[in-house]
PDB file of N, CA and C in Angstrom:
ATOM      1  N   GLN A   1     -15.380  51.022  56.533  1.00  0.00           N
ATOM      2  CA  GLN A   1     -15.439  52.345  56.576  1.00  0.00           C
ATOM      3  C   GLN A   1     -16.062  53.038  55.442  1.00  0.00           C
ATOM      4  N   VAL A   2     -16.382  52.269  54.357  1.00  0.00           N
ATOM      5  CA  VAL A   2     -17.084  52.776  53.145  1.00  0.00           C
ATOM      6  C   VAL A   2     -18.536  52.734  53.332  1.00  0.00           C
ATOM      7  N   ARG A   3     -19.266  53.777  53.104  1.00  0.00           N
ATOM      8  CA  ARG A   3     -20.737  53.645  53.189  1.00  0.00           C
ATOM      9  C   ARG A   3     -21.347  54.722  52.161  1.00  0.00           C
ATOM     10  N   GLY A   4     -22.338  54.354  51.521  1.00  0.00           N
ATOM     11  CA  GLY A   4     -23.109  55.202  50.598  1.00  0.00           C
ATOM     12  C   GLY A   4     -23.632  54.467  49.480  1.00  0.00           C
ATOM     13  N   LEU A   5     -23.829  55.207  48.417  1.00  0.00           N
ATOM     14  CA  LEU A   5     -24.394  54.553  47.060  1.00  0.00           C
ATOM     15  C   LEU A   5     -23.561  53.270  46.630  1.00  0.00           C
ATOM     16  N   CYS A   6     -22.261  53.278  46.927  1.00  0.00           N
ATOM     17  CA  CYS A   6     -21.451  52.169  46.528  1.00  0.00           C
ATOM     18  C   CYS A   6     -21.563  51.022  47.584  1.00  0.00           C
ATOM     19  N   GLY A   7     -22.261  51.075  48.500  1.00  0.00           N
ATOM     20  CA  GLY A   7     -22.429  50.040  49.499  1.00  0.00           C
ATOM     21  C   GLY A   7     -21.467  50.159  50.653  1.00  0.00           C
ATOM     22  N   THR A   8     -21.239  49.168  51.444  1.00  0.00           N
ATOM     23  CA  THR A   8     -20.377  49.246  52.587  1.00  0.00           C
ATOM     24  C   THR A   8     -18.998  48.480  52.289  1.00  0.00           C
ATOM     25  N   PHE A   9     -19.016  47.625  51.288  1.00  0.00           N
ATOM     26  CA  PHE A   9     -17.846  46.971  50.819  1.00  0.00           C
ATOM     27  C   PHE A   9     -17.144  46.256  51.856  1.00  0.00           C
ATOM     28  N   ASN A  10     -17.927  45.590  52.812  1.00  0.00           N
ATOM     29  CA  ASN A  10     -17.357  44.795  53.828  1.00  0.00           C
ATOM     30  C   ASN A  10     -17.516  43.269  53.732  1.00  0.00           C
ATOM     31  N   GLY A  11     -18.083  42.899  52.473  1.00  0.00           N
ATOM     32  CA  GLY A  11     -18.227  41.443  52.247  1.00  0.00           C
ATOM     33  C   GLY A  11     -19.673  40.966  52.738  1.00  0.00           C
ATOM     34  N   ASP A  12     -20.332  41.741  53.492  1.00  0.00           N
ATOM     35  CA  ASP A  12     -21.676  41.376  53.964  1.00  0.00           C
ATOM     36  C   ASP A  12     -22.812  41.998  53.045  1.00  0.00           C
ATOM     37  N   GLN A  13     -23.368  41.169  52.186  1.00  0.00           N
ATOM     38  CA  GLN A  13     -24.323  41.758  51.301  1.00  0.00           C
ATOM     39  C   GLN A  13     -25.709  42.108  51.961  1.00  0.00           C
ATOM     40  N   GLN A  14     -25.805  41.805  53.208  1.00  0.00           N
ATOM     41  CA  GLN A  14     -27.094  42.099  53.925  1.00  0.00           C
ATOM     42  C   GLN A  14     -27.145  43.580  54.209  1.00  0.00           C
ATOM     43  N   ASP A  15     -26.070  44.316  54.274  1.00  0.00           N
ATOM     44  CA  ASP A  15     -26.081  45.715  54.572  1.00  0.00           C
ATOM     45  C   ASP A  15     -25.665  46.636  53.359  1.00  0.00           C
ATOM     46  N   GLU A  16     -25.641  46.111  52.216  1.00  0.00           N
ATOM     47  CA  GLU A  16     -25.207  46.935  51.069  1.00  0.00           C
ATOM     48  C   GLU A  16     -26.143  48.159  50.761  1.00  0.00           C
ATOM     49  N   PHE A  17     -27.468  47.930  51.167  1.00  0.00           N
ATOM     50  CA  PHE A  17     -28.399  48.987  50.828  1.00  0.00           C
ATOM     51  C   PHE A  17     -28.702  49.807  52.096  1.00  0.00           C
ATOM     52  N   MET A  18     -27.642  50.182  52.821  1.00  0.00           N
ATOM     53  CA  MET A  18     -27.793  50.945  53.982  1.00  0.00           C
ATOM     54  C   MET A  18     -27.999  52.505  53.644  1.00  0.00           C
ATOM     55  N   THR A  19     -29.048  53.074  54.169  1.00  0.00           N
ATOM     56  CA  THR A  19     -29.384  54.413  53.831  1.00  0.00           C
ATOM     57  C   THR A  19     -28.491  55.428  54.770  1.00  0.00           C
ATOM     58  N   PRO A  20     -28.604  56.701  54.470  1.00  0.00           N
ATOM     59  CA  PRO A  20     -27.847  57.587  55.405  1.00  0.00           C
ATOM     60  C   PRO A  20     -28.385  57.600  56.729  1.00  0.00           C
ATOM     61  N   ASP A  21     -29.583  57.163  56.967  1.00  0.00           N
ATOM     62  CA  ASP A  21     -30.170  57.063  58.408  1.00  0.00           C
ATOM     63  C   ASP A  21     -29.765  55.764  59.067  1.00  0.00           C
ATOM     64  N   GLY A  22     -29.041  54.890  58.356  1.00  0.00           N
ATOM     65  CA  GLY A  22     -28.654  53.637  59.007  1.00  0.00           C
ATOM     66  C   GLY A  22     -29.674  52.506  58.787  1.00  0.00           C
ATOM     67  N   ASP A  23     -30.720  52.773  58.008  1.00  0.00           N
ATOM     68  CA  ASP A  23     -31.768  51.759  57.762  1.00  0.00           C
ATOM     69  C   ASP A  23     -31.197  50.948  56.629  1.00  0.00           C
ATOM     70  N   VAL A  24     -31.681  49.614  56.483  1.00  0.00           N
ATOM     71  CA  VAL A  24     -31.293  48.864  55.293  1.00  0.00           C
ATOM     72  C   VAL A  24     -32.597  48.661  54.448  1.00  0.00           C
ATOM     73  N   GLU A  25     -32.497  49.161  53.171  1.00  0.00           N
ATOM     74  CA  GLU A  25     -33.660  48.973  52.373  1.00  0.00           C
ATOM     75  C   GLU A  25     -33.510  47.660  51.633  1.00  0.00           C
ATOM     76  N   LEU A  26     -34.660  47.111  51.290  1.00  0.00           N
ATOM     77  CA  LEU A  26     -34.739  45.834  50.503  1.00  0.00           C
ATOM     78  C   LEU A  26     -34.711  45.992  49.079  1.00  0.00           C
ATOM     79  N   GLY A  27     -35.214  47.205  48.548  1.00  0.00           N
ATOM     80  CA  GLY A  27     -35.274  47.443  47.119  1.00  0.00           C
ATOM     81  C   GLY A  27     -34.459  48.437  46.670  1.00  0.00           C
ATOM     82  N   VAL A  28     -34.046  48.381  45.368  1.00  0.00           N
ATOM     83  CA  VAL A  28     -33.050  49.347  44.749  1.00  0.00           C
ATOM     84  C   VAL A  28     -33.694  50.712  44.730  1.00  0.00           C
ATOM     85  N   ALA A  29     -34.954  50.891  44.334  1.00  0.00           N
ATOM     86  CA  ALA A  29     -35.579  52.298  44.176  1.00  0.00           C
ATOM     87  C   ALA A  29     -35.626  52.925  45.545  1.00  0.00           C
ATOM     88  N   ALA A  30     -36.062  52.183  46.634  1.00  0.00           N
ATOM     89  CA  ALA A  30     -36.132  52.789  47.871  1.00  0.00           C
ATOM     90  C   ALA A  30     -34.696  53.231  48.370  1.00  0.00           C
ATOM     91  N   PHE A  31     -33.700  52.373  48.150  1.00  0.00           N
ATOM     92  CA  PHE A  31     -32.347  52.746  48.448  1.00  0.00           C
ATOM     93  C   PHE A  31     -31.912  54.035  47.794  1.00  0.00           C
ATOM     94  N   ALA A  32     -32.038  54.071  46.435  1.00  0.00           N
ATOM     95  CA  ALA A  32     -31.634  55.214  45.656  1.00  0.00           C
ATOM     96  C   ALA A  32     -32.403  56.480  46.079  1.00  0.00           C
ATOM     97  N   ASN A  33     -33.623  56.378  46.349  1.00  0.00           N
ATOM     98  CA  ASN A  33     -34.468  57.537  46.788  1.00  0.00           C
ATOM     99  C   ASN A  33     -34.046  58.040  48.181  1.00  0.00           C
ATOM    100  N   ALA A  34     -33.400  57.210  48.925  1.00  0.00           N
ATOM    101  CA  ALA A  34     -32.947  57.689  50.265  1.00  0.00           C
ATOM    102  C   ALA A  34     -31.785  58.649  50.148  1.00  0.00           C
ATOM    103  N   PHE A  35     -31.130  58.557  48.994  1.00  0.00           N
ATOM    104  CA  PHE A  35     -29.934  59.520  48.732  1.00  0.00           C
ATOM    105  C   PHE A  35     -30.347  60.641  47.849  1.00  0.00           C
ATOM    106  N   ARG A  36     -31.522  60.682  47.390  1.00  0.00           N
ATOM    107  CA  ARG A  36     -31.963  61.666  46.479  1.00  0.00           C
ATOM    108  C   ARG A  36     -32.090  63.061  47.196  1.00  0.00           C
ATOM    109  N   ALA A  37     -31.576  64.126  46.582  1.00  0.00           N
ATOM    110  CA  ALA A  37     -31.739  65.436  47.114  1.00  0.00           C
ATOM    111  C   ALA A  37     -33.222  65.950  46.848  1.00  0.00           C
ATOM    112  N   ALA A  38     -33.832  66.386  47.860  1.00  0.00           N
ATOM    113  CA  ALA A  38     -35.290  66.794  47.714  1.00  0.00           C
ATOM    114  C   ALA A  38     -35.407  67.826  46.510  1.00  0.00           C
ATOM    115  N   GLY A  39     -36.178  67.601  45.561  1.00  0.00           N
ATOM    116  CA  GLY A  39     -36.515  68.505  44.478  1.00  0.00           C
ATOM    117  C   GLY A  39     -35.489  68.424  43.318  1.00  0.00           C
ATOM    118  N   ALA A  40     -34.473  67.671  43.580  1.00  0.00           N
ATOM    119  CA  ALA A  40     -33.422  67.568  42.554  1.00  0.00           C
ATOM    120  C   ALA A  40     -33.789  66.833  41.232  1.00  0.00           C
ATOM    121  N   CYS A  41     -34.541  65.699  41.462  1.00  0.00           N
ATOM    122  CA  CYS A  41     -34.966  64.913  40.486  1.00  0.00           C
ATOM    123  C   CYS A  41     -36.161  64.073  40.928  1.00  0.00           C
ATOM    124  N   PRO A  42     -36.933  63.549  40.067  1.00  0.00           N
ATOM    125  CA  PRO A  42     -38.133  62.779  40.446  1.00  0.00           C
ATOM    126  C   PRO A  42     -37.722  61.451  41.192  1.00  0.00           C
ATOM    127  N   ALA A  43     -38.489  61.041  42.058  1.00  0.00           N
ATOM    128  CA  ALA A  43     -38.231  59.737  42.849  1.00  0.00           C
ATOM    129  C   ALA A  43     -38.378  58.595  41.844  1.00  0.00           C
ATOM    130  N   LEU A  44     -37.571  57.647  42.158  1.00  0.00           N
ATOM    131  CA  LEU A  44     -37.664  56.424  41.299  1.00  0.00           C
ATOM    132  C   LEU A  44     -38.824  55.546  41.684  1.00  0.00           C
ATOM    133  N   GLY A  45     -39.403  55.037  40.716  1.00  0.00           N
ATOM    134  CA  GLY A  45     -40.473  53.990  40.894  1.00  0.00           C
ATOM    135  C   GLY A  45     -40.001  52.655  41.057  1.00  0.00           C
ATOM    136  N   PRO A  46     -40.920  51.646  41.200  1.00  0.00           N
ATOM    137  CA  PRO A  46     -40.481  50.286  41.544  1.00  0.00           C
ATOM    138  C   PRO A  46     -39.687  49.660  40.255  1.00  0.00           C
ATOM    139  N   GLY A  47     -40.111  50.065  39.044  1.00  0.00           N
ATOM    140  CA  GLY A  47     -39.455  49.455  37.917  1.00  0.00           C
ATOM    141  C   GLY A  47     -38.425  50.474  37.360  1.00  0.00           C
ATOM    142  N   ILE A  48     -37.175  50.166  37.656  1.00  0.00           N
ATOM    143  CA  ILE A  48     -36.137  51.053  37.122  1.00  0.00           C
ATOM    144  C   ILE A  48     -35.644  50.620  35.767  1.00  0.00           C
ATOM    145  N   PRO A  49     -35.708  51.591  34.857  1.00  0.00           N
ATOM    146  CA  PRO A  49     -35.293  51.307  33.480  1.00  0.00           C
ATOM    147  C   PRO A  49     -33.745  51.007  33.401  1.00  0.00           C
ATOM    148  N   ASN A  50     -33.383  50.141  32.517  1.00  0.00           N
ATOM    149  CA  ASN A  50     -31.950  49.838  32.432  1.00  0.00           C
ATOM    150  C   ASN A  50     -31.374  50.977  31.467  1.00  0.00           C
ATOM    151  N   PRO A  51     -30.332  51.728  31.990  1.00  0.00           N
ATOM    152  CA  PRO A  51     -29.940  52.815  31.247  1.00  0.00           C
ATOM    153  C   PRO A  51     -29.175  52.371  29.929  1.00  0.00           C
ATOM    154  N   CYS A  52     -28.662  51.102  29.883  1.00  0.00           N
ATOM    155  CA  CYS A  52     -27.989  50.606  28.794  1.00  0.00           C
ATOM    156  C   CYS A  52     -28.983  50.482  27.500  1.00  0.00           C
ATOM    157  N   ASP A  53     -30.250  50.171  27.794  1.00  0.00           N
ATOM    158  CA  ASP A  53     -31.112  50.191  26.781  1.00  0.00           C
ATOM    159  C   ASP A  53     -31.427  51.491  25.891  1.00  0.00           C
ATOM    160  N   SER A  54     -31.176  52.521  26.651  1.00  0.00           N
ATOM    161  CA  SER A  54     -31.317  53.909  25.897  1.00  0.00           C
ATOM    162  C   SER A  54     -30.019  54.323  25.206  1.00  0.00           C
ATOM    163  N   PHE A  55     -28.897  53.765  25.648  1.00  0.00           N
ATOM    164  CA  PHE A  55     -27.582  54.164  25.099  1.00  0.00           C
ATOM    165  C   PHE A  55     -26.789  53.069  24.599  1.00  0.00           C
ATOM    166  N   PRO A  56     -26.809  52.821  23.255  1.00  0.00           N
ATOM    167  CA  PRO A  56     -26.133  51.630  22.704  1.00  0.00           C
ATOM    168  C   PRO A  56     -24.632  51.804  23.068  1.00  0.00           C
ATOM    169  N   GLY A  57     -23.914  50.663  23.330  1.00  0.00           N
ATOM    170  CA  GLY A  57     -22.631  50.619  23.691  1.00  0.00           C
ATOM    171  C   GLY A  57     -22.302  50.928  25.139  1.00  0.00           C
ATOM    172  N   SER A  58     -23.305  51.444  25.912  1.00  0.00           N
ATOM    173  CA  SER A  58     -23.096  51.610  27.369  1.00  0.00           C
ATOM    174  C   SER A  58     -22.693  50.464  28.177  1.00  0.00           C
ATOM    175  N   TRP A  59     -23.283  49.279  27.839  1.00  0.00           N
ATOM    176  CA  TRP A  59     -22.984  48.113  28.576  1.00  0.00           C
ATOM    177  C   TRP A  59     -21.488  47.789  28.663  1.00  0.00           C
ATOM    178  N   GLU A  60     -20.802  47.902  27.489  1.00  0.00           N
ATOM    179  CA  GLU A  60     -19.326  47.614  27.431  1.00  0.00           C
ATOM    180  C   GLU A  60     -18.584  48.621  28.210  1.00  0.00           C
ATOM    181  N   HIS A  61     -19.051  49.987  28.127  1.00  0.00           N
ATOM    182  CA  HIS A  61     -18.348  50.887  28.744  1.00  0.00           C
ATOM    183  C   HIS A  61     -18.537  50.831  30.266  1.00  0.00           C
ATOM    184  N   ALA A  62     -19.758  50.474  30.734  1.00  0.00           N
ATOM    185  CA  ALA A  62     -19.975  50.266  32.155  1.00  0.00           C
ATOM    186  C   ALA A  62     -19.191  49.142  32.812  1.00  0.00           C
ATOM    187  N   GLU A  63     -19.093  47.987  32.014  1.00  0.00           N
ATOM    188  CA  GLU A  63     -18.338  46.929  32.482  1.00  0.00           C
ATOM    189  C   GLU A  63     -16.837  47.314  32.740  1.00  0.00           C
ATOM    190  N   ALA A  64     -16.278  48.006  31.614  1.00  0.00           N
ATOM    191  CA  ALA A  64     -14.886  48.411  31.790  1.00  0.00           C
ATOM    192  C   ALA A  64     -14.654  49.472  32.866  1.00  0.00           C
ATOM    193  N   THR A  65     -15.641  50.397  33.103  1.00  0.00           N
ATOM    194  CA  THR A  65     -15.462  51.347  34.155  1.00  0.00           C
ATOM    195  C   THR A  65     -15.606  50.700  35.533  1.00  0.00           C
ATOM    196  N   CYS A  66     -16.556  49.739  35.745  1.00  0.00           N
ATOM    197  CA  CYS A  66     -16.736  49.155  37.008  1.00  0.00           C
ATOM    198  C   CYS A  66     -15.678  48.104  37.272  1.00  0.00           C
ATOM    199  N   ALA A  67     -14.995  47.618  36.316  1.00  0.00           N
ATOM    200  CA  ALA A  67     -13.833  46.675  36.491  1.00  0.00           C
ATOM    201  C   ALA A  67     -12.756  47.386  37.512  1.00  0.00           C
ATOM    202  N   VAL A  68     -12.710  48.633  37.413  1.00  0.00           N
ATOM    203  CA  VAL A  68     -11.781  49.323  38.391  1.00  0.00           C
ATOM    204  C   VAL A  68     -12.166  49.100  39.841  1.00  0.00           C
ATOM    205  N   LEU A  69     -13.445  49.145  40.032  1.00  0.00           N
ATOM    206  CA  LEU A  69     -13.998  49.062  41.448  1.00  0.00           C
ATOM    207  C   LEU A  69     -13.742  47.706  42.072  1.00  0.00           C
ATOM    208  N   VAL A  70     -13.729  46.712  41.188  1.00  0.00           N
ATOM    209  CA  VAL A  70     -13.529  45.298  41.700  1.00  0.00           C
ATOM    210  C   VAL A  70     -12.046  44.795  41.429  1.00  0.00           C
ATOM    211  N   GLY A  71     -11.261  45.726  40.920  1.00  0.00           N
ATOM    212  CA  GLY A  71      -9.836  45.423  40.706  1.00  0.00           C
ATOM    213  C   GLY A  71      -8.989  45.550  41.860  1.00  0.00           C
ATOM    214  N   PRO A  72      -7.711  45.433  41.731  1.00  0.00           N
ATOM    215  CA  PRO A  72      -6.711  45.442  42.825  1.00  0.00           C
ATOM    216  C   PRO A  72      -6.651  46.754  43.589  1.00  0.00           C
ATOM    217  N   VAL A  73      -7.065  47.816  42.881  1.00  0.00           N
ATOM    218  CA  VAL A  73      -6.913  49.123  43.481  1.00  0.00           C
ATOM    219  C   VAL A  73      -7.781  49.255  44.729  1.00  0.00           C
ATOM    220  N   PHE A  74      -8.974  48.583  44.819  1.00  0.00           N
ATOM    221  CA  PHE A  74      -9.943  48.679  45.830  1.00  0.00           C
ATOM    222  C   PHE A  74      -9.961  47.423  46.689  1.00  0.00           C
ATOM    223  N   GLN A  75      -9.023  46.584  46.573  1.00  0.00           N
ATOM    224  CA  GLN A  75      -9.040  45.274  47.321  1.00  0.00           C
ATOM    225  C   GLN A  75      -8.406  45.538  48.656  1.00  0.00           C
TER     226      GLN A  75
END
């Protein structure tokens, strides 16, 4: 019943990049661009920069934050 930028969370990785129109994108940039509000920000190109490269310490914070999503609360 979950669908969106967080995927479908149904155990089938083939449909994790499902767009709002129900299409399944193969690439991260095309998938993210499908959710982009027109004019809100520039479209992503094929090479997506790693945000952790720009912000030292972000990797540890991201891992701790994402641990909630894969923890018992969402199982």
